[in-house]
Amino acid sequence: MYLNISNVAVKSRSLIENVNTNLVECFNSLIAKFIGGKRINFALKREYQGRCNSAVVKFNEKSAISYVQNTLTNKDRPEMGFANVVEKKREEAQKRKNNSGRPVRKKIRKLTDAKQKQNDYGPASLDPDMSQSELEVAKEEFLKNLETLTADKDAIERNTKIRKNLITAFNFGPICKGQVSKDIASQ
């Protein structure tokens, strides 16, 4: 028990200041910074891999990666980047031109479901499956269930207020730091 308390006491300063010395966490925060914190699969366009690689270079070099960025985007030779864009647009225009000559097939909608007779409405409707007495019993049971739910409402509200006053992992950090947020102050 004493070992656990002394371990927490040694690390208390970093806990209060929310400081992290873990290199893996620092690296992951850099990656999250470069990808905008998004959890999207960028692997198909190799964009995610490029961002991770640039984060690795930045982490290892501890300096700006403008040289690497300029070489990747051909900023040293702008005509190369522009030529690639023009070529790609020309290919897309050629594909559109080739596909425009093909006949377009129109989809045929089948309206068979809408024309079917609906047995739940109108004069063709079926008789109810409950008798009048069974309906009254089911109605009374449903109303009793509603009454018990409203009776439990006060107990649920009381338990919620008690839980809001408990110190949990969610509000432990701000309490230790002495910060008062709107949520904690309203409790």
N, C-alpha and C. Protein backbone atom coordinates (compact mmCIF):
# COMPACT_ATOMS: atom_id res chain seq x y z
N MET A 1 0.83 -1.19 0.00
CA MET A 1 0.00 0.00 0.00
C MET A 1 0.87 1.25 0.00
N TYR A 2 1.93 1.22 0.83
CA TYR A 2 2.82 2.38 0.92
C TYR A 2 3.53 2.62 -0.42
N LEU A 3 3.89 1.52 -1.12
CA LEU A 3 4.55 1.65 -2.42
C LEU A 3 3.64 2.34 -3.43
N ASN A 4 2.37 1.96 -3.44
CA ASN A 4 1.43 2.56 -4.37
C ASN A 4 1.26 4.05 -4.10
N ILE A 5 1.14 4.41 -2.84
CA ILE A 5 0.95 5.82 -2.49
C ILE A 5 2.20 6.62 -2.83
N SER A 6 3.38 6.06 -2.55
CA SER A 6 4.61 6.79 -2.87
C SER A 6 4.79 6.93 -4.37
N ASN A 7 4.38 5.92 -5.13
CA ASN A 7 4.47 5.99 -6.59
C ASN A 7 3.59 7.12 -7.12
N VAL A 8 2.37 7.23 -6.61
CA VAL A 8 1.47 8.31 -7.03
C VAL A 8 2.03 9.66 -6.59
N ALA A 9 2.61 9.71 -5.40
CA ALA A 9 3.16 10.97 -4.89
C ALA A 9 4.32 11.44 -5.75
N VAL A 10 5.15 10.52 -6.22
CA VAL A 10 6.28 10.89 -7.07
C VAL A 10 5.80 11.47 -8.40
N LYS A 11 4.72 10.91 -8.93
CA LYS A 11 4.21 11.34 -10.23
C LYS A 11 3.12 12.39 -10.12
N SER A 12 2.88 12.90 -8.94
CA SER A 12 1.76 13.83 -8.74
C SER A 12 1.93 15.12 -9.52
N ARG A 13 3.16 15.62 -9.64
CA ARG A 13 3.37 16.88 -10.35
C ARG A 13 2.97 16.75 -11.82
N SER A 14 3.36 15.65 -12.46
CA SER A 14 2.99 15.48 -13.85
C SER A 14 1.50 15.21 -13.99
N LEU A 15 0.88 14.60 -12.99
CA LEU A 15 -0.56 14.38 -13.04
C LEU A 15 -1.31 15.70 -12.93
N ILE A 16 -0.84 16.58 -12.06
CA ILE A 16 -1.53 17.87 -11.87
C ILE A 16 -1.37 18.74 -13.11
N GLU A 17 -0.17 18.76 -13.70
CA GLU A 17 0.08 19.62 -14.85
C GLU A 17 -0.31 18.96 -16.17
N ASN A 18 -0.78 17.74 -16.13
CA ASN A 18 -1.18 16.99 -17.32
C ASN A 18 -0.02 16.88 -18.31
N VAL A 19 1.16 16.54 -17.81
CA VAL A 19 2.37 16.43 -18.62
C VAL A 19 2.59 14.96 -18.95
N ASN A 20 3.07 14.71 -20.16
CA ASN A 20 3.33 13.35 -20.58
C ASN A 20 4.75 13.27 -21.12
N THR A 21 5.54 12.35 -20.62
CA THR A 21 6.91 12.18 -21.09
C THR A 21 7.07 10.93 -21.94
N ASN A 22 6.01 10.27 -22.23
CA ASN A 22 6.06 9.05 -23.03
C ASN A 22 6.32 9.43 -24.48
N LEU A 23 7.40 8.92 -25.08
CA LEU A 23 7.75 9.27 -26.45
C LEU A 23 6.71 8.78 -27.44
N VAL A 24 6.11 7.63 -27.17
CA VAL A 24 5.09 7.11 -28.08
C VAL A 24 3.89 8.05 -28.11
N GLU A 25 3.49 8.54 -26.93
CA GLU A 25 2.36 9.48 -26.89
C GLU A 25 2.70 10.77 -27.61
N CYS A 26 3.94 11.25 -27.45
CA CYS A 26 4.37 12.47 -28.17
C CYS A 26 4.30 12.24 -29.67
N PHE A 27 4.78 11.07 -30.11
CA PHE A 27 4.75 10.76 -31.53
C PHE A 27 3.31 10.67 -32.05
N ASN A 28 2.44 9.99 -31.30
CA ASN A 28 1.04 9.88 -31.71
C ASN A 28 0.36 11.24 -31.75
N SER A 29 0.72 12.13 -30.84
CA SER A 29 0.12 13.46 -30.88
C SER A 29 0.59 14.22 -32.11
N LEU A 30 1.85 14.01 -32.52
CA LEU A 30 2.32 14.64 -33.76
C LEU A 30 1.55 14.13 -34.96
N ILE A 31 1.34 12.82 -35.02
CA ILE A 31 0.58 12.26 -36.14
C ILE A 31 -0.84 12.82 -36.13
N ALA A 32 -1.46 12.88 -34.96
CA ALA A 32 -2.82 13.42 -34.88
C ALA A 32 -2.84 14.87 -35.31
N LYS A 33 -1.78 15.62 -35.02
CA LYS A 33 -1.71 17.03 -35.42
C LYS A 33 -1.63 17.14 -36.93
N PHE A 34 -0.83 16.28 -37.56
CA PHE A 34 -0.65 16.39 -39.00
C PHE A 34 -1.85 15.87 -39.78
N ILE A 35 -2.57 14.90 -39.26
CA ILE A 35 -3.73 14.39 -40.00
C ILE A 35 -5.00 15.07 -39.55
N GLY A 36 -4.90 16.05 -38.70
CA GLY A 36 -6.08 16.79 -38.27
C GLY A 36 -6.93 16.03 -37.29
N GLY A 37 -6.40 15.02 -36.65
CA GLY A 37 -7.16 14.26 -35.66
C GLY A 37 -8.23 13.39 -36.27
N LYS A 38 -8.19 13.18 -37.58
CA LYS A 38 -9.25 12.42 -38.24
C LYS A 38 -8.96 10.94 -38.17
N ARG A 39 -10.00 10.15 -38.07
CA ARG A 39 -9.86 8.70 -38.04
C ARG A 39 -10.40 8.12 -39.35
N ILE A 40 -9.90 8.60 -40.46
CA ILE A 40 -10.37 8.17 -41.77
C ILE A 40 -9.29 7.29 -42.39
N ASN A 41 -9.70 6.33 -43.18
CA ASN A 41 -8.73 5.46 -43.83
C ASN A 41 -8.14 6.18 -45.03
N PHE A 42 -6.96 6.77 -44.84
CA PHE A 42 -6.29 7.47 -45.92
C PHE A 42 -5.37 6.53 -46.70
N ALA A 43 -5.34 5.25 -46.34
CA ALA A 43 -4.37 4.34 -46.92
C ALA A 43 -4.59 4.13 -48.40
N LEU A 44 -5.81 4.32 -48.88
CA LEU A 44 -6.08 4.06 -50.29
C LEU A 44 -5.40 5.08 -51.19
N LYS A 45 -5.26 6.31 -50.75
CA LYS A 45 -4.63 7.34 -51.56
C LYS A 45 -3.17 7.57 -51.16
N ARG A 46 -2.68 6.83 -50.22
CA ARG A 46 -1.34 6.97 -49.67
C ARG A 46 -1.15 8.32 -48.98
N GLU A 47 -2.22 9.02 -48.72
CA GLU A 47 -2.13 10.31 -48.05
C GLU A 47 -1.78 10.12 -46.58
N TYR A 48 -2.40 9.15 -45.94
CA TYR A 48 -2.14 8.90 -44.52
C TYR A 48 -0.69 8.48 -44.32
N GLN A 49 -0.22 7.61 -45.20
CA GLN A 49 1.16 7.14 -45.08
C GLN A 49 2.13 8.30 -45.26
N GLY A 50 1.85 9.19 -46.19
CA GLY A 50 2.71 10.35 -46.39
C GLY A 50 2.71 11.27 -45.19
N ARG A 51 1.56 11.45 -44.59
CA ARG A 51 1.49 12.30 -43.40
C ARG A 51 2.24 11.67 -42.23
N CYS A 52 2.10 10.36 -42.09
CA CYS A 52 2.84 9.68 -41.01
C CYS A 52 4.34 9.78 -41.25
N ASN A 53 4.76 9.61 -42.49
CA ASN A 53 6.19 9.71 -42.80
C ASN A 53 6.70 11.11 -42.52
N SER A 54 5.92 12.13 -42.88
CA SER A 54 6.36 13.50 -42.60
C SER A 54 6.40 13.76 -41.10
N ALA A 55 5.48 13.15 -40.35
CA ALA A 55 5.51 13.31 -38.90
C ALA A 55 6.76 12.65 -38.32
N VAL A 56 7.16 11.51 -38.88
CA VAL A 56 8.38 10.83 -38.42
C VAL A 56 9.60 11.70 -38.70
N VAL A 57 9.66 12.28 -39.92
CA VAL A 57 10.79 13.14 -40.27
C VAL A 57 10.84 14.34 -39.34
N LYS A 58 9.70 14.97 -39.11
CA LYS A 58 9.66 16.14 -38.23
C LYS A 58 10.07 15.76 -36.81
N PHE A 59 9.61 14.61 -36.34
CA PHE A 59 9.94 14.17 -34.99
C PHE A 59 11.43 13.89 -34.85
N ASN A 60 12.02 13.28 -35.86
CA ASN A 60 13.45 12.93 -35.79
C ASN A 60 14.35 14.13 -36.04
N GLU A 61 13.97 15.03 -36.95
CA GLU A 61 14.82 16.16 -37.30
C GLU A 61 14.69 17.32 -36.32
N LYS A 62 13.56 17.43 -35.66
CA LYS A 62 13.28 18.53 -34.73
C LYS A 62 13.39 19.89 -35.43
N SER A 63 13.10 19.93 -36.70
CA SER A 63 13.13 21.19 -37.45
C SER A 63 12.05 21.15 -38.51
N ALA A 64 11.93 22.25 -39.25
CA ALA A 64 10.89 22.34 -40.28
C ALA A 64 11.18 21.34 -41.39
N ILE A 65 10.16 20.85 -42.00
CA ILE A 65 10.32 19.88 -43.08
C ILE A 65 9.96 20.52 -44.41
N SER A 66 10.22 21.81 -44.54
CA SER A 66 9.85 22.51 -45.77
C SER A 66 10.61 21.96 -46.97
N TYR A 67 11.87 21.53 -46.78
CA TYR A 67 12.63 20.99 -47.90
C TYR A 67 11.97 19.71 -48.42
N VAL A 68 11.58 18.84 -47.49
CA VAL A 68 10.92 17.59 -47.89
C VAL A 68 9.59 17.90 -48.56
N GLN A 69 8.86 18.85 -48.00
CA GLN A 69 7.57 19.22 -48.57
C GLN A 69 7.74 19.80 -49.97
N ASN A 70 8.75 20.64 -50.16
CA ASN A 70 8.98 21.22 -51.48
C ASN A 70 9.35 20.16 -52.50
N THR A 71 10.13 19.16 -52.09
CA THR A 71 10.49 18.12 -53.05
C THR A 71 9.29 17.23 -53.37
N LEU A 72 8.41 17.01 -52.39
CA LEU A 72 7.24 16.17 -52.66
C LEU A 72 6.23 16.87 -53.56
N THR A 73 6.06 18.17 -53.38
CA THR A 73 5.06 18.90 -54.16
C THR A 73 5.64 19.57 -55.39
N ASN A 74 6.92 19.32 -55.70
CA ASN A 74 7.60 19.90 -56.87
C ASN A 74 7.56 21.42 -56.87
N LYS A 75 7.73 22.03 -55.70
CA LYS A 75 7.74 23.49 -55.65
C LYS A 75 9.05 24.05 -56.19
N ASP A 76 10.11 23.23 -56.21
CA ASP A 76 11.36 23.69 -56.78
C ASP A 76 11.23 23.82 -58.30
N ARG A 77 10.42 22.92 -58.90
CA ARG A 77 10.16 22.99 -60.34
C ARG A 77 8.65 23.01 -60.54
N PRO A 78 8.02 24.18 -60.48
CA PRO A 78 6.56 24.25 -60.55
C PRO A 78 5.98 23.72 -61.85
N GLU A 79 6.77 23.79 -62.94
CA GLU A 79 6.23 23.33 -64.22
C GLU A 79 5.94 21.83 -64.19
N MET A 80 6.68 21.07 -63.38
CA MET A 80 6.42 19.63 -63.29
C MET A 80 5.07 19.36 -62.63
N GLY A 81 4.78 20.07 -61.56
CA GLY A 81 3.50 19.89 -60.90
C GLY A 81 2.34 20.31 -61.79
N PHE A 82 2.51 21.42 -62.50
CA PHE A 82 1.46 21.92 -63.38
C PHE A 82 1.24 20.98 -64.55
N ALA A 83 2.32 20.42 -65.10
CA ALA A 83 2.19 19.50 -66.22
C ALA A 83 1.41 18.26 -65.81
N ASN A 84 1.64 17.78 -64.61
CA ASN A 84 0.90 16.60 -64.14
C ASN A 84 -0.59 16.90 -64.02
N VAL A 85 -0.94 18.08 -63.52
CA VAL A 85 -2.34 18.46 -63.38
C VAL A 85 -3.01 18.57 -64.74
N VAL A 86 -2.33 19.20 -65.69
CA VAL A 86 -2.89 19.37 -67.04
C VAL A 86 -3.09 18.01 -67.69
N GLU A 87 -2.12 17.12 -67.55
CA GLU A 87 -2.23 15.79 -68.15
C GLU A 87 -3.40 15.00 -67.56
N LYS A 88 -3.58 15.09 -66.25
CA LYS A 88 -4.68 14.38 -65.60
C LYS A 88 -6.03 14.91 -66.07
N LYS A 89 -6.16 16.24 -66.19
CA LYS A 89 -7.42 16.82 -66.65
C LYS A 89 -7.70 16.42 -68.10
N ARG A 90 -6.65 16.36 -68.93
CA ARG A 90 -6.84 15.96 -70.32
C ARG A 90 -7.33 14.52 -70.41
N GLU A 91 -6.78 13.63 -69.57
CA GLU A 91 -7.22 12.23 -69.57
C GLU A 91 -8.67 12.10 -69.11
N GLU A 92 -9.06 12.88 -68.10
CA GLU A 92 -10.45 12.84 -67.63
C GLU A 92 -11.41 13.32 -68.71
N ALA A 93 -11.03 14.38 -69.44
CA ALA A 93 -11.88 14.88 -70.52
C ALA A 93 -12.01 13.84 -71.62
N GLN A 94 -10.92 13.12 -71.91
CA GLN A 94 -10.96 12.08 -72.94
C GLN A 94 -11.90 10.95 -72.51
N LYS A 95 -11.86 10.56 -71.23
CA LYS A 95 -12.76 9.51 -70.74
C LYS A 95 -14.21 9.94 -70.86
N ARG A 96 -14.50 11.21 -70.50
CA ARG A 96 -15.88 11.70 -70.62
C ARG A 96 -16.34 11.68 -72.06
N LYS A 97 -15.45 12.05 -72.98
CA LYS A 97 -15.80 12.08 -74.39
C LYS A 97 -16.08 10.67 -74.90
N ASN A 98 -15.27 9.70 -74.48
CA ASN A 98 -15.46 8.31 -74.92
C ASN A 98 -16.76 7.73 -74.36
N ASN A 99 -17.11 8.08 -73.15
CA ASN A 99 -18.31 7.53 -72.53
C ASN A 99 -19.58 8.23 -72.98
N SER A 100 -19.47 9.43 -73.54
CA SER A 100 -20.68 10.16 -73.93
C SER A 100 -21.36 9.55 -75.14
N GLY A 101 -20.65 8.82 -75.98
CA GLY A 101 -21.23 8.23 -77.17
C GLY A 101 -22.04 6.98 -76.89
N ARG A 102 -21.90 6.41 -75.75
CA ARG A 102 -22.62 5.18 -75.41
C ARG A 102 -24.07 5.50 -75.08
N PRO A 103 -24.97 4.61 -75.47
CA PRO A 103 -26.38 4.85 -75.13
C PRO A 103 -26.62 4.66 -73.63
N VAL A 104 -27.49 5.48 -73.10
CA VAL A 104 -27.80 5.42 -71.68
C VAL A 104 -29.01 4.52 -71.49
N ARG A 105 -28.90 3.56 -70.62
CA ARG A 105 -30.03 2.67 -70.33
C ARG A 105 -30.88 3.30 -69.25
N LYS A 106 -32.16 3.37 -69.51
CA LYS A 106 -33.07 3.89 -68.50
C LYS A 106 -33.59 2.73 -67.67
N LYS A 107 -33.68 2.97 -66.39
CA LYS A 107 -34.18 1.95 -65.49
C LYS A 107 -35.70 1.91 -65.56
N ILE A 108 -36.23 0.71 -65.55
CA ILE A 108 -37.67 0.53 -65.58
C ILE A 108 -38.14 0.25 -64.17
N ARG A 109 -39.00 1.11 -63.69
CA ARG A 109 -39.53 0.93 -62.33
C ARG A 109 -40.72 -0.01 -62.37
N LYS A 110 -40.71 -0.95 -61.47
CA LYS A 110 -41.83 -1.88 -61.36
C LYS A 110 -42.68 -1.44 -60.19
N LEU A 111 -43.93 -1.20 -60.44
CA LEU A 111 -44.85 -0.71 -59.41
C LEU A 111 -45.81 -1.80 -58.96
N THR A 112 -45.35 -3.02 -58.94
CA THR A 112 -46.25 -4.12 -58.58
C THR A 112 -46.64 -4.07 -57.11
N ASP A 113 -45.73 -3.65 -56.23
CA ASP A 113 -46.04 -3.61 -54.80
C ASP A 113 -47.12 -2.58 -54.49
N ALA A 114 -47.10 -1.45 -55.18
CA ALA A 114 -48.06 -0.38 -54.89
C ALA A 114 -49.47 -0.76 -55.35
N LYS A 115 -49.57 -1.61 -56.35
CA LYS A 115 -50.89 -1.96 -56.87
C LYS A 115 -51.55 -3.10 -56.10
N GLN A 116 -50.81 -3.75 -55.21
CA GLN A 116 -51.40 -4.85 -54.45
C GLN A 116 -52.46 -4.31 -53.50
N LYS A 117 -53.42 -5.15 -53.24
CA LYS A 117 -54.52 -4.77 -52.36
C LYS A 117 -54.04 -4.73 -50.92
N GLN A 118 -54.37 -3.67 -50.21
CA GLN A 118 -53.98 -3.53 -48.81
C GLN A 118 -55.14 -3.96 -47.94
N ASN A 119 -54.91 -5.03 -47.18
CA ASN A 119 -55.98 -5.61 -46.37
C ASN A 119 -56.15 -4.90 -45.03
N ASP A 120 -55.25 -3.99 -44.68
CA ASP A 120 -55.33 -3.34 -43.38
C ASP A 120 -56.23 -2.11 -43.38
N TYR A 121 -56.63 -1.63 -44.54
CA TYR A 121 -57.41 -0.39 -44.62
C TYR A 121 -58.67 -0.60 -45.45
N GLY A 122 -59.64 0.27 -45.21
CA GLY A 122 -60.85 0.29 -46.02
C GLY A 122 -61.81 -0.83 -45.71
N PRO A 123 -62.75 -1.06 -46.62
CA PRO A 123 -63.77 -2.08 -46.39
C PRO A 123 -63.21 -3.50 -46.42
N ALA A 124 -62.01 -3.70 -46.99
CA ALA A 124 -61.42 -5.03 -47.06
C ALA A 124 -60.58 -5.35 -45.83
N SER A 125 -60.61 -4.48 -44.82
CA SER A 125 -59.77 -4.69 -43.64
C SER A 125 -60.26 -5.90 -42.84
N LEU A 126 -59.34 -6.50 -42.12
CA LEU A 126 -59.65 -7.69 -41.33
C LEU A 126 -60.24 -7.27 -39.99
N ASP A 127 -60.92 -8.22 -39.35
CA ASP A 127 -61.47 -7.96 -38.02
C ASP A 127 -60.33 -7.90 -37.01
N PRO A 128 -60.51 -7.17 -35.90
CA PRO A 128 -59.45 -7.11 -34.88
C PRO A 128 -59.19 -8.49 -34.28
N ASP A 129 -57.95 -8.71 -33.85
CA ASP A 129 -57.59 -10.02 -33.31
C ASP A 129 -57.82 -10.12 -31.80
N MET A 130 -58.30 -9.05 -31.14
CA MET A 130 -58.59 -9.06 -29.71
C MET A 130 -60.08 -8.79 -29.51
N SER A 131 -60.60 -9.46 -28.52
CA SER A 131 -61.98 -9.14 -28.16
C SER A 131 -61.98 -7.86 -27.33
N GLN A 132 -63.17 -7.32 -27.09
CA GLN A 132 -63.27 -6.06 -26.33
C GLN A 132 -62.76 -6.23 -24.90
N SER A 133 -63.05 -7.37 -24.27
CA SER A 133 -62.60 -7.60 -22.89
C SER A 133 -61.07 -7.74 -22.83
N GLU A 134 -60.48 -8.44 -23.79
CA GLU A 134 -59.02 -8.56 -23.84
C GLU A 134 -58.36 -7.21 -24.05
N LEU A 135 -58.99 -6.36 -24.85
CA LEU A 135 -58.46 -5.01 -25.10
C LEU A 135 -58.46 -4.20 -23.81
N GLU A 136 -59.52 -4.30 -23.02
CA GLU A 136 -59.60 -3.57 -21.75
C GLU A 136 -58.52 -4.05 -20.77
N VAL A 137 -58.30 -5.37 -20.71
CA VAL A 137 -57.27 -5.92 -19.82
C VAL A 137 -55.88 -5.43 -20.25
N ALA A 138 -55.59 -5.44 -21.54
CA ALA A 138 -54.29 -4.99 -22.04
C ALA A 138 -54.10 -3.50 -21.79
N LYS A 139 -55.20 -2.74 -21.92
CA LYS A 139 -55.14 -1.30 -21.67
C LYS A 139 -54.82 -1.01 -20.21
N GLU A 140 -55.49 -1.72 -19.29
CA GLU A 140 -55.23 -1.53 -17.86
C GLU A 140 -53.79 -1.90 -17.49
N GLU A 141 -53.29 -2.98 -18.07
CA GLU A 141 -51.91 -3.40 -17.80
C GLU A 141 -50.91 -2.36 -18.29
N PHE A 142 -51.16 -1.79 -19.45
CA PHE A 142 -50.28 -0.75 -20.00
C PHE A 142 -50.29 0.49 -19.11
N LEU A 143 -51.47 0.90 -18.65
CA LEU A 143 -51.56 2.08 -17.78
C LEU A 143 -50.87 1.85 -16.44
N LYS A 144 -50.97 0.63 -15.88
CA LYS A 144 -50.26 0.33 -14.63
C LYS A 144 -48.74 0.42 -14.82
N ASN A 145 -48.28 -0.05 -15.97
CA ASN A 145 -46.85 0.03 -16.28
C ASN A 145 -46.39 1.48 -16.36
N LEU A 146 -47.20 2.34 -16.96
CA LEU A 146 -46.87 3.76 -17.03
C LEU A 146 -46.82 4.39 -15.64
N GLU A 147 -47.73 4.00 -14.76
CA GLU A 147 -47.74 4.55 -13.40
C GLU A 147 -46.48 4.16 -12.64
N THR A 148 -46.04 2.91 -12.79
CA THR A 148 -44.81 2.50 -12.08
C THR A 148 -43.60 3.24 -12.62
N LEU A 149 -43.59 3.51 -13.92
CA LEU A 149 -42.47 4.26 -14.50
C LEU A 149 -42.42 5.68 -13.95
N THR A 150 -43.57 6.34 -13.82
CA THR A 150 -43.57 7.71 -13.29
C THR A 150 -43.26 7.72 -11.80
N ALA A 151 -43.62 6.65 -11.08
CA ALA A 151 -43.29 6.58 -9.66
C ALA A 151 -41.78 6.41 -9.46
N ASP A 152 -41.13 5.68 -10.36
CA ASP A 152 -39.68 5.50 -10.27
C ASP A 152 -38.91 6.73 -10.72
N LYS A 153 -39.58 7.66 -11.34
CA LYS A 153 -38.91 8.85 -11.87
C LYS A 153 -38.21 9.64 -10.76
N ASP A 154 -38.85 9.79 -9.61
CA ASP A 154 -38.23 10.53 -8.50
C ASP A 154 -36.98 9.83 -7.99
N ALA A 155 -37.04 8.51 -7.88
CA ALA A 155 -35.88 7.76 -7.41
C ALA A 155 -34.72 7.87 -8.40
N ILE A 156 -35.03 7.83 -9.68
CA ILE A 156 -33.99 7.95 -10.71
C ILE A 156 -33.34 9.32 -10.65
N GLU A 157 -34.14 10.38 -10.48
CA GLU A 157 -33.59 11.73 -10.39
C GLU A 157 -32.71 11.88 -9.15
N ARG A 158 -33.13 11.30 -8.04
CA ARG A 158 -32.34 11.38 -6.81
C ARG A 158 -31.00 10.66 -6.99
N ASN A 159 -31.02 9.47 -7.59
CA ASN A 159 -29.78 8.73 -7.83
C ASN A 159 -28.85 9.48 -8.78
N THR A 160 -29.43 10.16 -9.77
CA THR A 160 -28.62 10.93 -10.71
C THR A 160 -27.92 12.08 -10.00
N LYS A 161 -28.63 12.78 -9.11
CA LYS A 161 -28.02 13.88 -8.36
C LYS A 161 -26.89 13.37 -7.47
N ILE A 162 -27.09 12.22 -6.86
CA ILE A 162 -26.04 11.64 -6.00
C ILE A 162 -24.81 11.30 -6.83
N ARG A 163 -25.01 10.71 -8.02
CA ARG A 163 -23.89 10.33 -8.87
C ARG A 163 -23.12 11.55 -9.38
N LYS A 164 -23.83 12.67 -9.61
CA LYS A 164 -23.15 13.88 -10.07
C LYS A 164 -22.21 14.43 -9.02
N ASN A 165 -22.50 14.20 -7.76
CA ASN A 165 -21.65 14.71 -6.69
C ASN A 165 -20.46 13.80 -6.39
N LEU A 166 -20.44 12.59 -6.93
CA LEU A 166 -19.32 11.68 -6.70
C LEU A 166 -18.12 12.10 -7.53
N ILE A 167 -16.93 11.85 -7.02
CA ILE A 167 -15.71 12.12 -7.77
C ILE A 167 -15.41 10.89 -8.63
N THR A 168 -15.42 11.09 -9.92
CA THR A 168 -15.14 10.01 -10.86
C THR A 168 -13.87 10.32 -11.63
N ALA A 169 -13.45 9.40 -12.49
CA ALA A 169 -12.26 9.61 -13.30
C ALA A 169 -12.45 10.79 -14.24
N PHE A 170 -13.68 11.06 -14.63
CA PHE A 170 -13.96 12.16 -15.56
C PHE A 170 -13.65 13.51 -14.94
N ASN A 171 -14.04 13.72 -13.69
CA ASN A 171 -13.82 15.03 -13.10
C ASN A 171 -12.70 15.05 -12.06
N PHE A 172 -11.91 13.98 -11.97
CA PHE A 172 -10.81 13.92 -11.01
C PHE A 172 -9.69 14.88 -11.39
N GLY A 173 -9.32 14.92 -12.67
CA GLY A 173 -8.23 15.78 -13.12
C GLY A 173 -8.51 17.26 -12.89
N PRO A 174 -9.66 17.80 -13.36
CA PRO A 174 -9.95 19.22 -13.12
C PRO A 174 -10.04 19.57 -11.64
N ILE A 175 -10.50 18.64 -10.80
CA ILE A 175 -10.57 18.93 -9.37
C ILE A 175 -9.16 19.04 -8.80
N CYS A 176 -8.26 18.12 -9.20
CA CYS A 176 -6.88 18.17 -8.71
C CYS A 176 -6.17 19.43 -9.19
N LYS A 177 -6.45 19.86 -10.41
CA LYS A 177 -5.80 21.04 -10.95
C LYS A 177 -6.37 22.32 -10.37
N GLY A 178 -7.50 22.22 -9.74
CA GLY A 178 -8.13 23.42 -9.18
C GLY A 178 -8.91 24.20 -10.21
N GLN A 179 -9.14 23.59 -11.37
CA GLN A 179 -9.90 24.26 -12.41
C GLN A 179 -11.38 24.04 -12.15
N VAL A 180 -12.15 25.06 -12.40
CA VAL A 180 -13.60 24.95 -12.23
C VAL A 180 -14.22 25.19 -13.59
N SER A 181 -14.79 24.14 -14.15
CA SER A 181 -15.46 24.30 -15.43
C SER A 181 -16.94 24.55 -15.19
N LYS A 182 -17.64 24.83 -16.26
CA LYS A 182 -19.07 25.12 -16.14
C LYS A 182 -19.84 23.90 -15.64
N ASP A 183 -19.41 22.70 -16.10
CA ASP A 183 -20.13 21.49 -15.71
C ASP A 183 -19.96 21.20 -14.22
N ILE A 184 -18.74 21.32 -13.73
CA ILE A 184 -18.48 21.01 -12.32
C ILE A 184 -19.10 22.07 -11.42
N ALA A 185 -19.08 23.34 -11.87
CA ALA A 185 -19.63 24.42 -11.05
C ALA A 185 -21.15 24.30 -10.94
N SER A 186 -21.79 23.79 -11.98
CA SER A 186 -23.26 23.68 -11.94
C SER A 186 -23.72 22.53 -11.07
N GLN A 187 -22.82 21.60 -10.75
CA GLN A 187 -23.22 20.47 -9.92
C GLN A 187 -23.23 20.93 -8.53
